[in-house]
Amino acid sequence: MRDRLLESHVIRCDETCVQVLKEPDREPTSQSWMWVQTGGPPDQPVIILDYSTSRAREVPSRLLEGYRGYLMTDVYAGYNALGAQSGVERLGCWAHARRKFVETQKVRRCSLKVKPGVPISP
């Protein structure tokens, strides 16, 4: 599956923290990470979940070693080394970009005392 993923023109990658309660040599309160990578053609998607005790940049570099193509991620700096490699073009995540616009709109509405549903103009 990993080979099929690395053949993708576009790979989306994200990480999220998980808590594992019973893991050898680790406290139950330790943070671990689930790295999600998706790609492949629309009719045959590839989804890979990788567990790691680390969020360091070495993890995505190892998971996507040898990849050439478009890499869609959030702005987490751990992806910077991958994005700097020749043949890798890093793309921003629309969901994360949209979130910033929504947050800005909420702040402006509060400061301008505008009701929801009313357009905000400059």
N, C-alpha and C. Protein backbone atom coordinates (compact mmCIF):
# COMPACT_ATOMS: atom_id res chain seq x y z
N MET A 1 0.82 -1.20 0.00
CA MET A 1 0.00 0.00 0.00
C MET A 1 0.86 1.26 0.00
N ARG A 2 1.95 1.21 0.74
CA ARG A 2 2.81 2.39 0.79
C ARG A 2 3.33 2.74 -0.61
N ASP A 3 3.71 1.73 -1.41
CA ASP A 3 4.18 1.99 -2.78
C ASP A 3 3.09 2.66 -3.61
N ARG A 4 1.84 2.19 -3.46
CA ARG A 4 0.74 2.82 -4.20
C ARG A 4 0.53 4.26 -3.74
N LEU A 5 0.68 4.51 -2.46
CA LEU A 5 0.54 5.87 -1.95
C LEU A 5 1.61 6.77 -2.56
N LEU A 6 2.85 6.31 -2.58
CA LEU A 6 3.96 7.13 -3.06
C LEU A 6 3.89 7.36 -4.58
N GLU A 7 3.06 6.60 -5.29
CA GLU A 7 2.85 6.83 -6.72
C GLU A 7 1.82 7.92 -6.99
N SER A 8 1.15 8.39 -5.95
CA SER A 8 0.09 9.40 -6.08
C SER A 8 0.66 10.73 -6.53
N HIS A 9 -0.14 11.46 -7.31
CA HIS A 9 0.26 12.82 -7.70
C HIS A 9 0.11 13.78 -6.53
N VAL A 10 -0.91 13.51 -5.69
CA VAL A 10 -1.17 14.34 -4.52
C VAL A 10 -1.32 13.43 -3.30
N ILE A 11 -0.61 13.77 -2.23
CA ILE A 11 -0.76 13.08 -0.95
C ILE A 11 -1.18 14.11 0.09
N ARG A 12 -2.18 13.75 0.87
CA ARG A 12 -2.60 14.59 1.98
C ARG A 12 -2.09 13.92 3.25
N CYS A 13 -1.51 14.74 4.14
CA CYS A 13 -0.94 14.17 5.36
C CYS A 13 -1.31 15.07 6.54
N ASP A 14 -1.67 14.43 7.63
CA ASP A 14 -1.99 15.17 8.85
C ASP A 14 -1.68 14.27 10.04
N GLU A 15 -1.48 14.87 11.18
CA GLU A 15 -1.19 14.11 12.40
C GLU A 15 -2.12 14.59 13.50
N THR A 16 -2.46 13.68 14.38
CA THR A 16 -3.30 14.04 15.52
C THR A 16 -2.82 13.29 16.75
N CYS A 17 -2.94 13.93 17.90
CA CYS A 17 -2.46 13.28 19.12
C CYS A 17 -3.45 12.22 19.58
N VAL A 18 -2.89 11.16 20.11
CA VAL A 18 -3.69 10.07 20.67
C VAL A 18 -3.08 9.70 22.02
N GLN A 19 -3.91 9.19 22.88
CA GLN A 19 -3.42 8.75 24.19
C GLN A 19 -3.57 7.24 24.26
N VAL A 20 -2.48 6.58 24.53
CA VAL A 20 -2.48 5.13 24.68
C VAL A 20 -2.30 4.84 26.17
N LEU A 21 -3.25 4.18 26.76
CA LEU A 21 -3.24 4.00 28.21
C LEU A 21 -2.27 2.93 28.69
N LYS A 22 -2.09 1.87 27.91
CA LYS A 22 -1.19 0.80 28.34
C LYS A 22 -0.18 0.53 27.23
N GLU A 23 0.96 1.20 27.34
CA GLU A 23 2.02 1.04 26.37
C GLU A 23 3.32 0.78 27.14
N PRO A 24 4.05 -0.24 26.76
CA PRO A 24 5.29 -0.54 27.49
C PRO A 24 6.24 0.65 27.58
N ASP A 25 6.78 0.87 28.76
CA ASP A 25 7.80 1.90 29.01
C ASP A 25 7.30 3.33 28.79
N ARG A 26 5.99 3.55 28.85
CA ARG A 26 5.46 4.91 28.69
C ARG A 26 4.36 5.15 29.71
N GLU A 27 4.28 6.37 30.17
CA GLU A 27 3.23 6.76 31.11
C GLU A 27 1.89 6.84 30.39
N PRO A 28 0.80 6.52 31.08
CA PRO A 28 -0.53 6.61 30.46
C PRO A 28 -0.90 8.03 30.01
N THR A 29 -0.23 9.03 30.57
CA THR A 29 -0.52 10.42 30.20
C THR A 29 0.34 10.92 29.04
N SER A 30 1.23 10.08 28.51
CA SER A 30 2.10 10.47 27.40
C SER A 30 1.29 10.73 26.15
N GLN A 31 1.77 11.67 25.35
CA GLN A 31 1.13 11.90 24.05
C GLN A 31 1.81 11.05 22.99
N SER A 32 1.01 10.48 22.14
CA SER A 32 1.50 9.77 20.97
C SER A 32 0.80 10.40 19.77
N TRP A 33 1.18 9.95 18.58
CA TRP A 33 0.66 10.59 17.37
C TRP A 33 0.22 9.56 16.34
N MET A 34 -0.91 9.85 15.71
CA MET A 34 -1.39 9.06 14.59
C MET A 34 -1.20 9.92 13.34
N TRP A 35 -0.40 9.41 12.42
CA TRP A 35 -0.12 10.11 11.17
C TRP A 35 -1.00 9.49 10.09
N VAL A 36 -1.81 10.32 9.46
CA VAL A 36 -2.74 9.87 8.43
C VAL A 36 -2.23 10.37 7.08
N GLN A 37 -2.10 9.45 6.14
CA GLN A 37 -1.69 9.80 4.78
C GLN A 37 -2.72 9.24 3.82
N THR A 38 -3.20 10.09 2.90
CA THR A 38 -4.17 9.64 1.91
C THR A 38 -3.70 10.04 0.51
N GLY A 39 -4.05 9.24 -0.45
CA GLY A 39 -3.70 9.52 -1.84
C GLY A 39 -4.36 8.49 -2.73
N GLY A 40 -3.75 8.28 -3.89
CA GLY A 40 -4.29 7.31 -4.84
C GLY A 40 -5.35 7.91 -5.72
N PRO A 41 -5.75 7.18 -6.75
CA PRO A 41 -6.81 7.66 -7.64
C PRO A 41 -8.16 7.66 -6.92
N PRO A 42 -9.09 8.52 -7.36
CA PRO A 42 -10.39 8.61 -6.67
C PRO A 42 -11.13 7.28 -6.56
N ASP A 43 -10.98 6.41 -7.54
CA ASP A 43 -11.71 5.15 -7.50
C ASP A 43 -10.98 4.06 -6.71
N GLN A 44 -9.72 4.33 -6.30
CA GLN A 44 -8.94 3.38 -5.49
C GLN A 44 -8.12 4.14 -4.46
N PRO A 45 -8.78 4.81 -3.51
CA PRO A 45 -8.03 5.61 -2.54
C PRO A 45 -7.15 4.75 -1.64
N VAL A 46 -6.04 5.35 -1.25
CA VAL A 46 -5.12 4.70 -0.32
C VAL A 46 -5.14 5.54 0.95
N ILE A 47 -5.39 4.90 2.07
CA ILE A 47 -5.39 5.58 3.36
C ILE A 47 -4.51 4.76 4.30
N ILE A 48 -3.47 5.40 4.81
CA ILE A 48 -2.53 4.72 5.70
C ILE A 48 -2.47 5.48 7.02
N LEU A 49 -2.60 4.74 8.10
CA LEU A 49 -2.47 5.29 9.45
C LEU A 49 -1.18 4.74 10.04
N ASP A 50 -0.33 5.63 10.53
CA ASP A 50 0.92 5.23 11.17
C ASP A 50 0.97 5.79 12.57
N TYR A 51 1.29 4.95 13.52
CA TYR A 51 1.41 5.35 14.92
C TYR A 51 2.86 5.70 15.22
N SER A 52 3.06 6.75 16.01
CA SER A 52 4.40 7.13 16.43
C SER A 52 4.33 7.76 17.81
N THR A 53 5.39 7.61 18.56
CA THR A 53 5.47 8.28 19.86
C THR A 53 6.00 9.70 19.68
N SER A 54 6.30 10.08 18.45
CA SER A 54 6.93 11.37 18.19
C SER A 54 6.15 12.16 17.14
N ARG A 55 6.26 13.48 17.25
CA ARG A 55 5.71 14.38 16.24
C ARG A 55 6.86 15.07 15.49
N ALA A 56 8.07 14.61 15.66
CA ALA A 56 9.25 15.23 15.06
C ALA A 56 9.21 15.15 13.54
N ARG A 57 9.93 16.05 12.89
CA ARG A 57 9.94 16.10 11.42
C ARG A 57 10.49 14.83 10.78
N GLU A 58 11.24 14.06 11.54
CA GLU A 58 11.77 12.81 11.00
C GLU A 58 10.65 11.81 10.67
N VAL A 59 9.52 11.93 11.35
CA VAL A 59 8.42 10.98 11.12
C VAL A 59 7.84 11.16 9.72
N PRO A 60 7.35 12.35 9.34
CA PRO A 60 6.83 12.46 7.97
C PRO A 60 7.91 12.25 6.91
N SER A 61 9.14 12.62 7.22
CA SER A 61 10.24 12.39 6.26
C SER A 61 10.44 10.89 6.03
N ARG A 62 10.33 10.11 7.09
CA ARG A 62 10.46 8.65 6.97
C ARG A 62 9.26 8.05 6.25
N LEU A 63 8.06 8.50 6.62
CA LEU A 63 6.85 7.94 6.04
C LEU A 63 6.73 8.20 4.54
N LEU A 64 7.21 9.35 4.10
CA LEU A 64 7.06 9.72 2.70
C LEU A 64 8.40 9.79 1.98
N GLU A 65 9.36 9.03 2.46
CA GLU A 65 10.69 9.00 1.85
C GLU A 65 10.60 8.61 0.37
N GLY A 66 11.25 9.40 -0.47
CA GLY A 66 11.27 9.12 -1.90
C GLY A 66 10.09 9.69 -2.67
N TYR A 67 9.14 10.33 -1.99
CA TYR A 67 7.96 10.85 -2.67
C TYR A 67 8.30 12.06 -3.53
N ARG A 68 7.69 12.12 -4.69
CA ARG A 68 7.78 13.28 -5.57
C ARG A 68 6.37 13.60 -6.03
N GLY A 69 5.92 14.82 -5.78
CA GLY A 69 4.57 15.22 -6.17
C GLY A 69 4.08 16.33 -5.26
N TYR A 70 2.77 16.47 -5.19
CA TYR A 70 2.15 17.50 -4.37
C TYR A 70 1.83 16.93 -2.98
N LEU A 71 2.18 17.70 -1.95
CA LEU A 71 1.95 17.28 -0.58
C LEU A 71 1.07 18.32 0.10
N MET A 72 -0.16 17.95 0.46
CA MET A 72 -1.09 18.86 1.11
C MET A 72 -1.07 18.60 2.62
N THR A 73 -0.73 19.65 3.36
CA THR A 73 -0.62 19.55 4.82
C THR A 73 -1.13 20.83 5.46
N ASP A 74 -1.16 20.83 6.78
CA ASP A 74 -1.40 22.07 7.48
C ASP A 74 -0.05 22.80 7.58
N VAL A 75 0.02 23.84 8.39
CA VAL A 75 1.24 24.63 8.45
C VAL A 75 2.26 24.12 9.47
N TYR A 76 2.04 22.96 10.05
CA TYR A 76 2.98 22.42 11.03
C TYR A 76 4.38 22.34 10.42
N ALA A 77 5.37 22.89 11.13
CA ALA A 77 6.75 22.98 10.63
C ALA A 77 7.41 21.62 10.42
N GLY A 78 6.87 20.57 10.99
CA GLY A 78 7.43 19.24 10.81
C GLY A 78 7.41 18.77 9.37
N TYR A 79 6.59 19.41 8.53
CA TYR A 79 6.52 19.06 7.11
C TYR A 79 7.48 19.89 6.26
N ASN A 80 8.14 20.87 6.84
CA ASN A 80 9.00 21.77 6.06
C ASN A 80 10.13 21.05 5.34
N ALA A 81 10.75 20.08 5.99
CA ALA A 81 11.86 19.36 5.35
C ALA A 81 11.38 18.63 4.10
N LEU A 82 10.20 18.04 4.17
CA LEU A 82 9.64 17.36 2.99
C LEU A 82 9.36 18.37 1.88
N GLY A 83 8.75 19.49 2.25
CA GLY A 83 8.42 20.52 1.26
C GLY A 83 9.62 21.14 0.61
N ALA A 84 10.78 21.08 1.26
CA ALA A 84 12.01 21.65 0.71
C ALA A 84 12.73 20.70 -0.25
N GLN A 85 12.29 19.45 -0.30
CA GLN A 85 12.95 18.47 -1.17
C GLN A 85 12.63 18.75 -2.63
N SER A 86 13.59 18.48 -3.47
CA SER A 86 13.39 18.62 -4.91
C SER A 86 12.29 17.68 -5.37
N GLY A 87 11.36 18.20 -6.16
CA GLY A 87 10.28 17.38 -6.69
C GLY A 87 9.05 17.33 -5.82
N VAL A 88 9.09 17.98 -4.65
CA VAL A 88 7.92 18.01 -3.77
C VAL A 88 7.40 19.43 -3.72
N GLU A 89 6.14 19.59 -4.01
CA GLU A 89 5.48 20.90 -3.95
C GLU A 89 4.47 20.85 -2.82
N ARG A 90 4.67 21.68 -1.83
CA ARG A 90 3.78 21.66 -0.67
C ARG A 90 2.57 22.55 -0.91
N LEU A 91 1.40 22.02 -0.60
CA LEU A 91 0.14 22.73 -0.75
C LEU A 91 -0.46 22.99 0.62
N GLY A 92 -1.16 24.10 0.75
CA GLY A 92 -1.85 24.39 1.99
C GLY A 92 -3.18 23.67 2.05
N CYS A 93 -3.69 23.53 3.23
CA CYS A 93 -4.96 22.84 3.46
C CYS A 93 -6.09 23.87 3.49
N TRP A 94 -7.10 23.68 2.64
CA TRP A 94 -8.22 24.62 2.58
C TRP A 94 -9.00 24.67 3.88
N ALA A 95 -9.16 23.55 4.54
CA ALA A 95 -9.92 23.54 5.80
C ALA A 95 -9.24 24.42 6.85
N HIS A 96 -7.92 24.36 6.92
CA HIS A 96 -7.19 25.19 7.88
C HIS A 96 -7.24 26.66 7.47
N ALA A 97 -7.13 26.94 6.18
CA ALA A 97 -7.20 28.33 5.70
C ALA A 97 -8.59 28.90 5.99
N ARG A 98 -9.63 28.13 5.73
CA ARG A 98 -11.00 28.58 5.97
C ARG A 98 -11.20 28.90 7.45
N ARG A 99 -10.64 28.07 8.32
CA ARG A 99 -10.79 28.27 9.76
C ARG A 99 -10.31 29.67 10.16
N LYS A 100 -9.19 30.12 9.59
CA LYS A 100 -8.66 31.44 9.94
C LYS A 100 -9.60 32.55 9.48
N PHE A 101 -10.23 32.39 8.32
CA PHE A 101 -11.20 33.39 7.86
C PHE A 101 -12.42 33.42 8.78
N VAL A 102 -12.88 32.26 9.20
CA VAL A 102 -14.03 32.19 10.10
C VAL A 102 -13.70 32.85 11.43
N GLU A 103 -12.50 32.57 11.97
CA GLU A 103 -12.09 33.19 13.23
C GLU A 103 -12.01 34.71 13.09
N THR A 104 -11.47 35.18 11.99
CA THR A 104 -11.36 36.62 11.75
C THR A 104 -12.74 37.24 11.65
N GLN A 105 -13.64 36.58 10.97
CA GLN A 105 -15.00 37.09 10.82
C GLN A 105 -15.68 37.20 12.18
N LYS A 106 -15.48 36.21 13.05
CA LYS A 106 -16.08 36.26 14.39
C LYS A 106 -15.55 37.43 15.18
N VAL A 107 -14.24 37.67 15.10
CA VAL A 107 -13.63 38.78 15.83
C VAL A 107 -14.17 40.11 15.31
N ARG A 108 -14.25 40.23 13.98
CA ARG A 108 -14.77 41.48 13.40
C ARG A 108 -16.23 41.70 13.79
N ARG A 109 -17.03 40.63 13.77
CA ARG A 109 -18.44 40.78 14.14
C ARG A 109 -18.56 41.28 15.58
N CYS A 110 -17.73 40.73 16.47
CA CYS A 110 -17.77 41.16 17.87
C CYS A 110 -17.37 42.62 18.00
N SER A 111 -16.31 43.01 17.32
CA SER A 111 -15.82 44.38 17.46
C SER A 111 -16.75 45.38 16.77
N LEU A 112 -17.46 44.93 15.72
CA LEU A 112 -18.37 45.83 15.00
C LEU A 112 -19.82 45.69 15.49
N LYS A 113 -20.07 44.70 16.36
CA LYS A 113 -21.41 44.40 16.85
C LYS A 113 -22.38 44.16 15.70
N VAL A 114 -21.97 43.25 14.80
CA VAL A 114 -22.78 42.90 13.64
C VAL A 114 -23.47 41.57 13.92
N LYS A 115 -24.71 41.44 13.49
CA LYS A 115 -25.46 40.22 13.68
C LYS A 115 -25.02 39.15 12.66
N PRO A 116 -25.07 37.86 13.05
CA PRO A 116 -24.76 36.78 12.12
C PRO A 116 -25.70 36.85 10.91
N GLY A 117 -25.17 36.55 9.74
CA GLY A 117 -25.95 36.57 8.51
C GLY A 117 -25.91 37.90 7.81
N VAL A 118 -25.40 38.93 8.47
CA VAL A 118 -25.28 40.24 7.86
C VAL A 118 -23.89 40.36 7.25
N PRO A 119 -23.79 40.66 5.95
CA PRO A 119 -22.45 40.76 5.33
C PRO A 119 -21.60 41.83 6.00
N ILE A 120 -20.31 41.56 6.08
CA ILE A 120 -19.36 42.53 6.62
C ILE A 120 -18.66 43.19 5.45
N SER A 121 -18.68 44.50 5.41
CA SER A 121 -17.94 45.21 4.37
C SER A 121 -16.84 46.01 5.03
N PRO A 122 -15.77 46.32 4.28
CA PRO A 122 -14.64 47.04 4.87
C PRO A 122 -14.98 48.42 5.38
